[in-house]
N, C-alpha and C. Protein backbone atom coordinates (compact mmCIF):
# COMPACT_ATOMS: atom_id res chain seq x y z
N MET A 1 16.80 -37.63 12.73
CA MET A 1 17.24 -37.78 14.35
C MET A 1 16.83 -36.93 15.04
N ILE A 2 17.00 -37.33 16.11
CA ILE A 2 15.92 -36.70 17.86
C ILE A 2 17.22 -35.98 18.38
N ALA A 3 15.96 -34.56 19.04
CA ALA A 3 16.93 -33.51 19.07
C ALA A 3 17.69 -33.30 20.46
N VAL A 4 19.13 -33.65 20.61
CA VAL A 4 19.35 -33.71 21.98
C VAL A 4 18.52 -34.17 23.01
N MET A 5 17.83 -32.64 23.43
CA MET A 5 16.79 -32.73 24.66
C MET A 5 16.28 -33.77 24.52
N GLU A 6 15.57 -33.81 23.95
CA GLU A 6 14.36 -34.79 23.27
C GLU A 6 14.88 -36.08 24.09
N PHE A 7 15.61 -36.64 23.46
CA PHE A 7 16.87 -37.84 23.52
C PHE A 7 16.97 -38.19 25.67
N TYR A 8 17.44 -36.95 26.12
CA TYR A 8 17.33 -37.10 27.09
C TYR A 8 15.94 -37.01 28.45
N THR A 9 14.95 -36.00 28.28
CA THR A 9 13.72 -36.22 28.62
C THR A 9 13.10 -37.45 28.64
N ASN A 10 13.07 -38.22 27.64
CA ASN A 10 12.41 -39.30 27.62
C ASN A 10 13.38 -40.71 28.16
N ILE A 11 14.12 -40.38 28.78
CA ILE A 11 15.39 -41.44 29.56
C ILE A 11 14.10 -42.00 30.93
N PRO A 12 14.13 -43.22 31.41
CA PRO A 12 13.21 -43.88 32.04
C PRO A 12 13.88 -43.04 33.70
N LYS A 13 12.93 -43.12 35.37
CA LYS A 13 14.25 -42.59 36.23
C LYS A 13 14.64 -44.53 36.19
N LYS A 14 15.24 -43.60 36.47
CA LYS A 14 15.72 -45.08 37.91
C LYS A 14 14.96 -45.60 38.53
N GLN A 15 15.10 -46.72 38.64
CA GLN A 15 14.55 -48.35 39.73
C GLN A 15 15.32 -48.40 40.64
N CYS A 16 14.81 -48.75 41.51
CA CYS A 16 15.39 -49.18 42.88
C CYS A 16 15.39 -50.91 42.31
N VAL A 17 16.59 -51.34 42.33
CA VAL A 17 16.65 -52.95 42.14
C VAL A 17 15.97 -54.25 43.34
N VAL A 18 16.41 -53.10 44.06
CA VAL A 18 15.44 -53.94 45.82
C VAL A 18 14.00 -53.41 46.16
N CYS A 19 13.71 -52.37 45.77
CA CYS A 19 12.61 -52.44 46.20
C CYS A 19 11.35 -52.02 45.16
N GLY A 20 11.90 -51.36 43.91
CA GLY A 20 11.09 -51.45 42.59
C GLY A 20 10.94 -50.05 43.14
N ASN A 21 11.33 -49.08 43.78
CA ASN A 21 10.74 -47.11 43.71
C ASN A 21 11.27 -46.70 42.72
N GLU A 22 11.03 -45.79 42.37
CA GLU A 22 11.62 -44.88 41.22
C GLU A 22 12.64 -43.60 42.35
N PHE A 23 14.06 -43.54 41.97
CA PHE A 23 14.20 -42.52 43.06
C PHE A 23 15.46 -41.55 42.34
N GLU A 24 16.18 -40.23 42.81
CA GLU A 24 16.18 -39.67 42.28
C GLU A 24 17.27 -40.22 42.38
N GLU A 25 18.46 -39.72 40.94
CA GLU A 25 19.81 -40.30 40.65
C GLU A 25 20.31 -38.75 41.01
N GLN A 26 21.72 -39.76 41.07
CA GLN A 26 23.01 -38.66 42.03
C GLN A 26 24.11 -38.19 40.33
N HIS A 27 25.04 -37.45 40.74
CA HIS A 27 25.18 -36.41 39.61
C HIS A 27 26.41 -38.02 39.98
N GLU A 28 26.45 -38.60 38.60
CA GLU A 28 28.07 -39.30 38.54
C GLU A 28 27.71 -40.74 39.22
N SER A 29 27.23 -41.41 40.04
CA SER A 29 26.70 -41.78 40.78
C SER A 29 26.18 -43.25 39.93
N TYR A 30 26.15 -44.94 40.02
CA TYR A 30 26.51 -46.50 39.78
C TYR A 30 25.24 -46.81 40.03
N ALA A 31 24.79 -45.57 42.11
CA ALA A 31 24.07 -46.76 42.22
C ALA A 31 22.32 -47.67 41.71
N THR A 32 22.49 -48.77 42.46
CA THR A 32 21.63 -48.89 41.95
C THR A 32 19.53 -49.45 42.80
N GLU A 33 20.36 -49.16 43.73
CA GLU A 33 19.21 -49.12 45.16
C GLU A 33 19.37 -47.66 46.02
N CYS A 34 17.38 -47.65 46.03
CA CYS A 34 17.79 -46.30 46.53
C CYS A 34 18.09 -45.82 48.33
N GLU A 35 17.86 -44.57 48.51
CA GLU A 35 19.03 -44.33 50.02
C GLU A 35 18.35 -45.75 51.09
N HIS A 36 17.08 -45.66 51.10
CA HIS A 36 15.96 -46.63 52.06
C HIS A 36 16.66 -48.03 52.18
N CYS A 37 16.87 -48.54 50.74
CA CYS A 37 17.22 -49.96 50.38
C CYS A 37 18.92 -49.48 50.79
N ILE A 38 19.71 -49.26 50.74
CA ILE A 38 20.60 -49.07 51.24
C ILE A 38 21.19 -48.86 52.41
N ASN A 39 20.47 -48.16 53.52
CA ASN A 39 19.87 -48.47 54.26
C ASN A 39 20.17 -49.47 55.39
N ILE A 40 19.62 -49.99 54.93
CA ILE A 40 19.07 -51.67 55.46
C ILE A 40 19.82 -52.86 55.37
N ILE A 41 20.20 -52.43 53.68
CA ILE A 41 21.60 -53.48 53.16
C ILE A 41 22.88 -53.44 54.09
N GLN A 42 22.75 -51.96 54.51
CA GLN A 42 23.96 -51.95 55.43
C GLN A 42 24.19 -51.77 56.90
N ALA A 43 22.46 -51.47 57.58
CA ALA A 43 22.45 -52.40 59.05
C ALA A 43 22.45 -53.83 59.06
N ASP A 44 22.30 -54.59 57.85
CA ASP A 44 21.87 -55.91 58.12
C ASP A 44 24.29 -55.86 57.80
N GLU A 45 25.06 -55.87 57.78
CA GLU A 45 26.57 -56.15 57.18
C GLU A 45 27.22 -56.36 58.79
C-alpha cells in the first residue's frame, strides 16, 4: 500500500476543460475552467 503523502503528491494538476491549461485548484472547488475562461464565458452571457 502506498503512503498517504505519496498518493496526494502524485495526483495530476487540474486542467481547464476549455483551453487545456493547468490551473491552481481552489479549496473545495469543483470548477473545471480556469479563471481566464470563466471570465470569457461570463462575458458572453
